[in-house]
N, C-alpha and C. Protein backbone atom coordinates (compact mmCIF):
# COMPACT_ATOMS: atom_id res chain seq x y z
N MET A 1 66.94 44.34 -77.13
CA MET A 1 66.01 43.41 -76.58
C MET A 1 66.50 42.28 -75.62
N LYS A 2 67.58 41.92 -76.07
CA LYS A 2 67.90 40.59 -74.91
C LYS A 2 68.04 41.15 -73.71
N ARG A 3 68.64 42.44 -73.52
CA ARG A 3 68.97 42.91 -72.04
C ARG A 3 67.81 43.32 -71.09
N PHE A 4 66.79 43.96 -72.08
CA PHE A 4 65.44 44.07 -71.44
C PHE A 4 64.92 42.48 -71.00
N LEU A 5 65.02 41.86 -72.01
CA LEU A 5 64.24 40.27 -71.62
C LEU A 5 65.07 39.61 -70.35
N PHE A 6 66.20 39.28 -70.32
CA PHE A 6 67.26 39.29 -69.36
C PHE A 6 67.24 40.19 -67.80
N ARG A 7 66.93 41.36 -67.71
CA ARG A 7 66.65 42.03 -66.67
C ARG A 7 65.29 41.76 -66.56
N SER A 8 64.19 41.68 -66.97
CA SER A 8 62.87 41.04 -66.84
C SER A 8 62.75 40.06 -65.76
N ALA A 9 63.78 38.90 -66.89
CA ALA A 9 63.73 37.59 -65.95
C ALA A 9 64.42 37.90 -64.64
N MET A 10 65.61 38.58 -64.46
CA MET A 10 66.45 38.86 -63.40
C MET A 10 65.14 39.68 -62.18
N ILE A 11 64.32 40.45 -62.52
CA ILE A 11 63.50 41.03 -62.09
C ILE A 11 62.91 39.64 -61.38
N LEU A 12 62.00 39.57 -61.98
CA LEU A 12 61.01 38.37 -61.98
C LEU A 12 61.31 37.28 -61.01
N ALA A 13 62.61 36.86 -61.23
CA ALA A 13 63.60 35.94 -60.33
C ALA A 13 63.53 36.24 -58.87
N ALA A 14 63.53 37.58 -58.66
CA ALA A 14 64.01 38.08 -57.54
C ALA A 14 63.03 38.04 -56.81
N ALA A 15 61.79 38.09 -57.25
CA ALA A 15 60.55 38.66 -56.68
C ALA A 15 59.97 37.21 -56.44
N VAL A 16 59.99 36.32 -56.96
CA VAL A 16 59.33 34.98 -56.59
C VAL A 16 60.52 34.31 -55.75
N ALA A 17 61.79 34.65 -55.76
CA ALA A 17 62.60 34.51 -54.49
C ALA A 17 62.53 35.15 -53.13
N ALA A 18 61.78 36.17 -53.17
CA ALA A 18 62.23 36.74 -51.84
C ALA A 18 60.82 36.32 -50.64
N PRO A 19 61.47 36.51 -49.80
CA PRO A 19 61.16 35.28 -48.52
C PRO A 19 59.39 35.88 -48.44
N ALA A 20 58.86 35.03 -48.03
CA ALA A 20 57.39 35.09 -47.31
C ALA A 20 57.77 36.15 -45.70
N ALA A 21 56.63 37.08 -45.87
CA ALA A 21 56.43 37.83 -44.46
C ALA A 21 57.13 36.83 -43.58
N GLN A 22 57.28 37.15 -42.30
CA GLN A 22 57.62 36.36 -40.87
C GLN A 22 56.27 36.84 -40.28
N ALA A 23 55.38 35.08 -39.70
CA ALA A 23 54.82 35.82 -38.80
C ALA A 23 55.00 36.66 -37.55
N SER A 24 54.17 37.43 -36.94
CA SER A 24 54.19 37.76 -35.86
C SER A 24 53.53 37.43 -34.53
N ASN A 25 54.45 37.65 -33.32
CA ASN A 25 53.50 36.73 -32.07
C ASN A 25 53.37 38.02 -31.04
N TYR A 26 51.79 38.24 -30.54
CA TYR A 26 51.75 39.23 -29.55
C TYR A 26 51.65 38.69 -28.54
N TYR A 27 52.18 39.28 -27.43
CA TYR A 27 51.69 38.31 -25.63
C TYR A 27 50.81 39.27 -24.99
N PHE A 28 49.79 38.87 -24.33
CA PHE A 28 49.10 39.70 -23.76
C PHE A 28 49.08 39.04 -22.15
N SER A 29 49.54 39.51 -21.45
CA SER A 29 49.29 38.93 -19.79
C SER A 29 48.72 40.03 -19.16
N SER A 30 47.74 39.33 -17.58
CA SER A 30 46.46 40.60 -17.48
C SER A 30 47.86 40.72 -16.23
N SER A 31 48.24 39.98 -15.41
CA SER A 31 49.55 40.36 -14.57
C SER A 31 50.65 41.04 -14.78
N ALA A 32 50.82 41.84 -16.01
CA ALA A 32 51.84 42.51 -16.52
C ALA A 32 51.75 43.91 -15.79
N SER A 33 52.77 44.35 -15.90
CA SER A 33 52.80 46.11 -15.44
C SER A 33 52.95 47.19 -16.40
N GLY A 34 52.16 47.94 -16.91
CA GLY A 34 52.35 48.86 -17.96
C GLY A 34 51.47 48.69 -18.99
N ALA A 35 52.17 49.40 -20.02
CA ALA A 35 51.12 48.88 -21.22
C ALA A 35 52.08 47.89 -21.89
N GLY A 36 53.12 47.78 -21.82
CA GLY A 36 54.00 46.85 -22.95
C GLY A 36 53.93 47.30 -23.97
N ASN A 37 54.66 45.63 -24.77
CA ASN A 37 55.12 45.78 -26.02
C ASN A 37 54.22 45.04 -26.80
N GLY A 38 53.89 43.82 -26.23
CA GLY A 38 53.84 42.58 -26.66
C GLY A 38 54.44 41.66 -27.05
N SER A 39 55.61 41.80 -26.45
CA SER A 39 56.58 40.80 -26.71
C SER A 39 56.81 39.82 -25.46
N THR A 40 57.67 38.89 -24.98
CA THR A 40 57.16 37.88 -24.05
C THR A 40 57.53 38.59 -22.97
N ALA A 41 58.96 39.48 -22.90
CA ALA A 41 59.31 40.07 -22.06
C ALA A 41 58.75 41.62 -21.57
N ASN A 42 57.55 42.27 -22.42
CA ASN A 42 57.09 43.00 -22.08
C ASN A 42 55.53 42.67 -22.34
N PRO A 43 54.54 42.35 -22.41
CA PRO A 43 53.38 41.75 -22.81
C PRO A 43 52.49 43.25 -22.55
N PHE A 44 51.72 42.64 -23.30
CA PHE A 44 50.64 44.14 -23.40
C PHE A 44 49.79 43.21 -22.08
N SER A 45 49.16 44.37 -21.14
CA SER A 45 48.33 44.13 -20.02
C SER A 45 47.31 44.34 -19.66
N SER A 46 46.35 44.71 -20.89
CA SER A 46 45.26 44.56 -21.16
C SER A 46 45.11 44.38 -22.63
N LEU A 47 44.10 43.99 -22.60
CA LEU A 47 43.32 43.67 -24.25
C LEU A 47 42.96 44.94 -24.88
N SER A 48 43.14 46.46 -24.38
CA SER A 48 42.99 47.29 -25.76
C SER A 48 43.47 47.44 -26.53
N SER A 49 44.90 46.94 -26.63
CA SER A 49 45.90 47.04 -27.79
C SER A 49 45.37 46.11 -28.76
N PHE A 50 44.41 45.06 -28.55
CA PHE A 50 44.55 43.84 -29.41
C PHE A 50 43.68 44.74 -30.63
N ASP A 51 43.06 45.29 -30.83
CA ASP A 51 42.22 45.99 -31.85
C ASP A 51 42.86 46.83 -33.29
N GLY A 52 44.17 47.18 -32.50
CA GLY A 52 45.18 47.98 -33.14
C GLY A 52 46.09 46.74 -33.79
N LEU A 53 46.11 45.71 -33.49
CA LEU A 53 47.10 45.38 -34.08
C LEU A 53 46.75 44.84 -35.63
N ASP A 54 47.72 44.92 -36.27
CA ASP A 54 47.80 44.55 -37.50
C ASP A 54 47.82 43.20 -38.06
N LEU A 55 46.86 42.00 -38.07
CA LEU A 55 46.58 40.82 -38.07
C LEU A 55 46.85 40.17 -39.38
N ASN A 56 47.78 39.03 -39.51
CA ASN A 56 47.76 38.59 -40.82
C ASN A 56 47.99 36.81 -40.93
N PRO A 57 47.88 36.11 -41.71
CA PRO A 57 48.27 35.15 -41.83
C PRO A 57 49.66 34.67 -41.12
N GLY A 58 49.19 33.39 -40.24
CA GLY A 58 50.30 32.71 -39.61
C GLY A 58 50.63 33.67 -38.21
N ASP A 59 49.82 34.74 -37.85
CA ASP A 59 50.42 35.34 -36.79
C ASP A 59 49.84 34.65 -35.45
N ASN A 60 50.37 34.69 -34.11
CA ASN A 60 49.83 34.11 -33.08
C ASN A 60 49.42 35.81 -31.80
N VAL A 61 48.14 34.99 -31.19
CA VAL A 61 48.24 36.09 -30.45
C VAL A 61 47.98 35.11 -29.21
N TYR A 62 48.89 35.35 -27.85
CA TYR A 62 49.09 34.60 -26.75
C TYR A 62 48.69 35.27 -25.74
N LEU A 63 47.69 34.81 -24.93
CA LEU A 63 46.87 35.01 -24.01
C LEU A 63 47.33 35.05 -22.52
N SER A 64 47.12 35.52 -21.51
CA SER A 64 47.74 34.56 -20.18
C SER A 64 46.51 35.31 -18.68
N GLY A 65 46.13 34.81 -18.14
CA GLY A 65 45.71 35.44 -17.10
C GLY A 65 44.14 35.83 -17.31
N THR A 66 43.28 36.37 -16.73
CA THR A 66 42.04 36.36 -17.11
C THR A 66 41.86 38.29 -17.32
N PHE A 67 41.00 38.95 -18.13
CA PHE A 67 40.92 39.94 -18.69
C PHE A 67 39.47 40.17 -18.96
N SER A 68 39.29 41.86 -18.97
CA SER A 68 37.76 41.94 -19.53
C SER A 68 37.86 42.60 -20.81
N ALA A 69 36.85 42.10 -21.51
CA ALA A 69 37.28 42.53 -23.08
C ALA A 69 37.03 44.12 -23.04
N PRO A 70 37.14 44.35 -23.93
CA PRO A 70 37.29 45.83 -24.13
C PRO A 70 35.57 46.26 -24.90
N SER A 71 35.12 47.20 -24.93
CA SER A 71 33.73 47.79 -25.00
C SER A 71 33.33 47.01 -26.72
N GLY A 72 32.77 46.21 -26.99
CA GLY A 72 32.48 45.48 -28.32
C GLY A 72 33.18 44.51 -28.19
N GLY A 73 34.24 44.26 -27.55
CA GLY A 73 34.86 43.01 -27.33
C GLY A 73 36.21 42.99 -28.64
N LEU A 74 37.10 41.88 -28.41
CA LEU A 74 37.93 41.65 -29.19
C LEU A 74 37.34 41.98 -30.65
N THR A 75 37.55 42.82 -31.96
CA THR A 75 37.30 42.74 -32.64
C THR A 75 38.01 41.83 -34.36
N LEU A 76 37.59 41.00 -34.77
CA LEU A 76 37.87 41.04 -35.98
C LEU A 76 37.70 41.10 -37.29
N GLY A 77 38.12 41.89 -38.50
CA GLY A 77 37.42 42.14 -40.05
C GLY A 77 38.27 41.30 -40.85
N SER A 78 37.86 41.24 -41.92
CA SER A 78 38.35 40.96 -42.79
C SER A 78 39.83 41.19 -43.14
N GLN A 79 40.37 42.24 -42.84
CA GLN A 79 41.59 42.78 -42.69
C GLN A 79 42.58 41.73 -41.99
N ASP A 80 41.94 41.10 -40.75
CA ASP A 80 43.07 40.19 -39.86
C ASP A 80 42.62 38.95 -40.35
N ALA A 81 42.24 38.68 -41.33
CA ALA A 81 41.77 36.90 -42.07
C ALA A 81 43.32 36.03 -42.53
N GLY A 82 43.22 35.01 -41.93
CA GLY A 82 44.28 34.34 -41.97
C GLY A 82 44.16 33.52 -43.25
N THR A 83 44.76 32.53 -43.43
CA THR A 83 44.24 31.32 -44.35
C THR A 83 44.11 29.46 -43.88
N ALA A 84 43.70 28.91 -44.53
CA ALA A 84 43.51 27.45 -44.11
C ALA A 84 44.72 26.95 -43.91
N THR A 85 45.80 27.09 -44.55
CA THR A 85 47.12 26.78 -44.01
C THR A 85 47.95 27.71 -43.22
N LYS A 86 47.93 28.86 -43.12
CA LYS A 86 48.52 30.11 -42.26
C LYS A 86 47.22 30.69 -41.55
N PRO A 87 46.45 30.15 -40.24
CA PRO A 87 45.58 30.71 -39.90
C PRO A 87 46.02 31.77 -38.66
N VAL A 88 45.63 32.52 -38.37
CA VAL A 88 45.58 33.21 -37.36
C VAL A 88 45.35 33.19 -35.77
N ASN A 89 46.08 32.88 -34.95
CA ASN A 89 45.89 31.80 -34.00
C ASN A 89 45.65 32.44 -32.96
N ILE A 90 44.56 32.26 -31.85
CA ILE A 90 44.31 32.90 -30.88
C ILE A 90 44.23 31.70 -29.68
N THR A 91 45.29 31.78 -28.85
CA THR A 91 45.37 30.95 -27.85
C THR A 91 46.06 31.38 -26.10
N SER A 92 45.84 30.35 -25.46
CA SER A 92 46.00 30.59 -24.14
C SER A 92 48.07 30.53 -23.96
N TRP A 93 48.61 31.27 -23.15
CA TRP A 93 49.89 31.13 -22.78
C TRP A 93 50.20 31.18 -21.40
N GLY A 94 50.72 30.18 -21.29
CA GLY A 94 51.59 29.61 -19.79
C GLY A 94 50.32 28.22 -19.10
N ALA A 95 50.42 28.26 -17.87
CA ALA A 95 50.01 26.58 -17.62
C ALA A 95 48.31 26.89 -17.52
N SER A 96 47.64 28.00 -17.01
CA SER A 96 46.26 27.75 -17.04
C SER A 96 45.89 28.29 -18.46
N GLN A 97 44.46 27.97 -18.53
CA GLN A 97 43.48 28.60 -19.75
C GLN A 97 43.03 30.37 -18.94
N ALA A 98 43.44 31.42 -20.58
CA ALA A 98 43.01 32.50 -20.34
C ALA A 98 41.41 32.61 -20.30
N THR A 99 41.15 33.83 -19.86
CA THR A 99 39.64 34.25 -19.55
C THR A 99 39.14 35.30 -20.31
N ILE A 100 38.20 35.39 -20.98
CA ILE A 100 37.53 36.55 -21.36
C ILE A 100 36.37 37.41 -20.59
N ASN A 101 36.34 38.03 -19.86
CA ASN A 101 35.14 38.34 -19.56
C ASN A 101 34.51 39.45 -20.43
N ALA A 102 33.17 38.70 -20.67
CA ALA A 102 32.63 39.54 -22.15
C ALA A 102 31.89 40.94 -21.56
N GLY A 103 31.84 40.88 -20.19
CA GLY A 103 30.37 41.84 -19.74
C GLY A 103 29.18 41.49 -20.18
N ASP A 104 28.68 42.47 -20.73
CA ASP A 104 27.49 42.53 -21.40
C ASP A 104 27.49 42.38 -22.78
N SER A 105 28.92 42.26 -23.44
CA SER A 105 29.36 42.72 -24.90
C SER A 105 29.80 41.01 -25.64
N PHE A 106 30.18 41.34 -26.51
CA PHE A 106 30.67 40.06 -27.21
C PHE A 106 32.24 40.05 -26.72
N GLY A 107 33.06 38.82 -26.27
CA GLY A 107 34.16 38.06 -25.72
C GLY A 107 35.23 38.67 -27.54
N ILE A 108 34.85 37.91 -28.58
CA ILE A 108 35.50 37.80 -29.38
C ILE A 108 34.67 38.28 -30.54
N LYS A 109 34.58 39.16 -31.51
CA LYS A 109 33.54 39.13 -32.73
C LYS A 109 34.10 39.32 -34.05
N ALA A 110 33.92 37.93 -34.73
CA ALA A 110 34.45 38.13 -36.07
C ALA A 110 33.60 38.51 -37.35
N THR A 111 33.68 39.39 -37.88
CA THR A 111 32.65 39.67 -38.83
C THR A 111 33.62 39.40 -40.44
N ASN A 112 33.02 38.64 -41.40
CA ASN A 112 33.42 38.80 -43.18
C ASN A 112 34.99 38.40 -42.66
N VAL A 113 35.10 37.24 -41.85
CA VAL A 113 36.39 37.03 -41.73
C VAL A 113 36.74 35.29 -41.92
N GLY A 114 37.44 34.78 -42.22
CA GLY A 114 37.97 33.25 -41.99
C GLY A 114 39.17 32.76 -41.58
N GLY A 115 39.73 32.21 -41.18
CA GLY A 115 41.36 31.06 -41.44
C GLY A 115 41.51 32.03 -39.82
N ILE A 116 40.48 31.90 -38.41
CA ILE A 116 41.02 32.36 -37.54
C ILE A 116 40.71 30.82 -36.86
N ASP A 117 41.76 31.01 -35.45
CA ASP A 117 41.70 29.37 -34.88
C ASP A 117 41.96 29.85 -33.57
N ILE A 118 40.35 29.83 -33.01
CA ILE A 118 40.50 30.43 -31.23
C ILE A 118 40.71 28.70 -30.73
N SER A 119 41.61 28.91 -29.99
CA SER A 119 41.53 27.46 -28.97
C SER A 119 42.15 27.85 -27.72
N ASN A 120 41.57 27.07 -26.58
CA ASN A 120 42.29 27.16 -25.21
C ASN A 120 41.98 28.38 -24.58
N ALA A 121 41.12 28.81 -24.92
CA ALA A 121 40.54 30.47 -24.06
C ALA A 121 39.04 30.53 -23.74
N LEU A 122 38.83 31.43 -22.69
CA LEU A 122 37.24 30.51 -22.70
C LEU A 122 37.21 32.38 -22.59
N CYS A 123 35.44 32.37 -23.20
CA CYS A 123 34.63 33.87 -22.90
C CYS A 123 33.38 33.56 -22.60
N TRP A 124 33.39 34.26 -21.59
CA TRP A 124 31.90 34.31 -20.51
C TRP A 124 31.89 35.73 -20.59
N SER A 125 29.94 35.50 -19.77
CA SER A 125 29.34 36.65 -19.51
C SER A 125 28.77 36.53 -18.25
N PRO A 126 28.47 37.38 -17.19
CA PRO A 126 27.90 36.96 -16.52
C PRO A 126 26.54 36.75 -16.46
N ASP A 127 25.94 37.03 -17.28
CA ASP A 127 24.27 37.20 -17.62
C ASP A 127 23.93 36.07 -18.47
N GLY A 128 25.33 35.32 -18.99
CA GLY A 128 24.71 34.26 -19.93
C GLY A 128 25.04 34.58 -21.77
N LYS A 129 25.05 36.07 -21.83
CA LYS A 129 25.18 35.95 -23.64
C LYS A 129 26.36 35.72 -24.32
N THR A 130 27.77 35.41 -23.79
CA THR A 130 28.61 34.58 -24.39
C THR A 130 29.05 33.43 -24.45
């Protein structure tokens, strides 16, 4: 019984001491060539990859340049939620403010999601819907 309790305590201690998942950074640059992999050295060149991201608390999405939003806009759902202390951040990268041209749809659409911080980015629509 003592051996069982000792092993159980060691497993519990290891689980508690396990490091938290590290936040991911995803980079998008409208001036990048090719599809890219989302790194600073090889950013995504369009926002079409956005909806395929697995966003988690503390993750950062950096935008540089002017983009056309994919059909339906950038979509965030409950699986993409951050927390109050570790939000998912969407912001500009580089010297100027990023711009998302929403066309006749949404620039960014968030449904049943919290813990999202969007800053220093402009969403616009030529017809004034965004």
